Protein backbone atom coordinates (compact mmCIF):
# COMPACT_ATOMS: atom_id res chain seq x y z
CA MET A 1 161.41 190.55 315.80
CA GLN A 2 163.02 187.13 317.70
CA LEU A 3 165.27 187.65 320.61
CA PRO A 4 166.25 184.74 322.37
CA ALA A 5 164.50 185.20 326.18
CA ALA A 6 168.38 185.60 327.61
CA LEU A 7 168.75 188.94 325.58
CA SER A 8 165.20 189.96 325.96
CA TRP A 9 166.27 190.36 329.86
CA VAL A 10 169.37 191.51 329.08
CA LEU A 11 167.78 194.85 327.70
CA ILE A 12 165.13 194.77 330.25
CA VAL A 13 167.56 195.09 332.66
CA ALA A 14 169.92 197.61 331.13
CA GLY A 15 166.41 199.79 330.64
CA VAL A 16 165.64 199.65 334.36
CA TRP A 17 168.95 200.20 335.52
CA SER A 18 169.12 203.38 333.45
CA LEU A 19 165.86 204.62 334.53
CA VAL A 20 166.84 203.87 338.11
CA VAL A 21 170.43 205.20 338.35
CA TRP A 22 169.79 208.51 336.14
CA PRO A 23 167.48 210.52 338.25
CA GLN A 24 169.49 209.75 341.49
CA PHE A 25 172.52 211.42 339.43
CA LEU A 26 170.28 214.37 338.21
CA ARG A 27 168.94 214.93 341.68
CA ARG A 28 173.18 215.19 342.71
CA ALA A 29 173.66 217.22 339.96
CA MET A 30 170.96 219.60 341.01
CA LYS A 31 172.20 220.23 344.23
CA ASP A 32 175.95 220.56 343.30
CA PRO A 33 177.20 224.49 343.95
CA ARG A 34 178.03 224.34 340.45
CA SER A 35 174.72 223.66 338.75
CA ARG A 36 173.06 227.88 339.72
CA ASP A 37 175.08 231.01 338.93
CA ALA A 38 175.49 234.03 341.46
CA SER A 39 172.47 235.11 340.65
CA GLY A 40 170.07 231.73 340.56
CA ALA A 41 170.27 230.78 337.07
CA ALA A 42 170.43 227.77 335.82
CA SER A 43 174.47 227.21 334.15
CA ARG A 44 175.94 225.19 331.56
CA PHE A 45 176.79 222.53 334.09
CA LEU A 46 173.27 221.79 334.80
CA THR A 47 172.07 222.38 331.48
CA VAL A 48 174.25 219.42 330.22
CA HIS A 49 173.66 217.13 332.75
CA VAL A 50 169.83 217.86 332.65
CA MET A 51 170.25 216.81 328.58
CA LEU A 52 172.79 213.83 329.54
CA ALA A 53 170.08 212.29 332.40
CA SER A 54 167.07 212.91 330.36
CA ILE A 55 168.41 211.15 326.60
CA SER A 56 169.68 208.71 328.87
CA MET A 57 166.17 207.80 330.72
CA ILE A 58 164.47 207.93 327.33
CA LEU A 59 166.94 205.69 325.63
CA GLY A 60 166.67 203.08 329.10
CA LEU A 61 163.36 203.29 328.35
CA ALA A 62 163.54 201.92 324.72
CA THR A 63 166.05 199.52 325.57
CA ALA A 64 162.96 198.20 328.25
CA VAL A 65 160.49 198.50 325.91
CA VAL A 66 162.27 196.54 323.06
CA GLY A 67 163.10 194.04 325.61
CA VAL A 68 159.94 193.46 327.12
CA ARG A 69 158.46 193.19 322.97
CA THR A 70 160.60 191.15 322.25
CA LEU A 71 160.34 188.98 325.55
CA VAL A 72 156.69 188.50 324.69
CA ALA A 73 156.27 188.40 321.25
């Protein structure tokens, strides 16, 4: 697949951004008092935020890989 180099770099930057930002977000969500219930079990708040961060990081990685592959192809 051919993309202009500028668009490839946009994909790479967007992917790296996701891989940098979401882990920080996840750390904050895990420390939030709403992440555990009274017995210490994970709450829906934590489950939703873990899924949100995980999916976003997977998509960020895929975006970066597409950007790199279109840049070197």
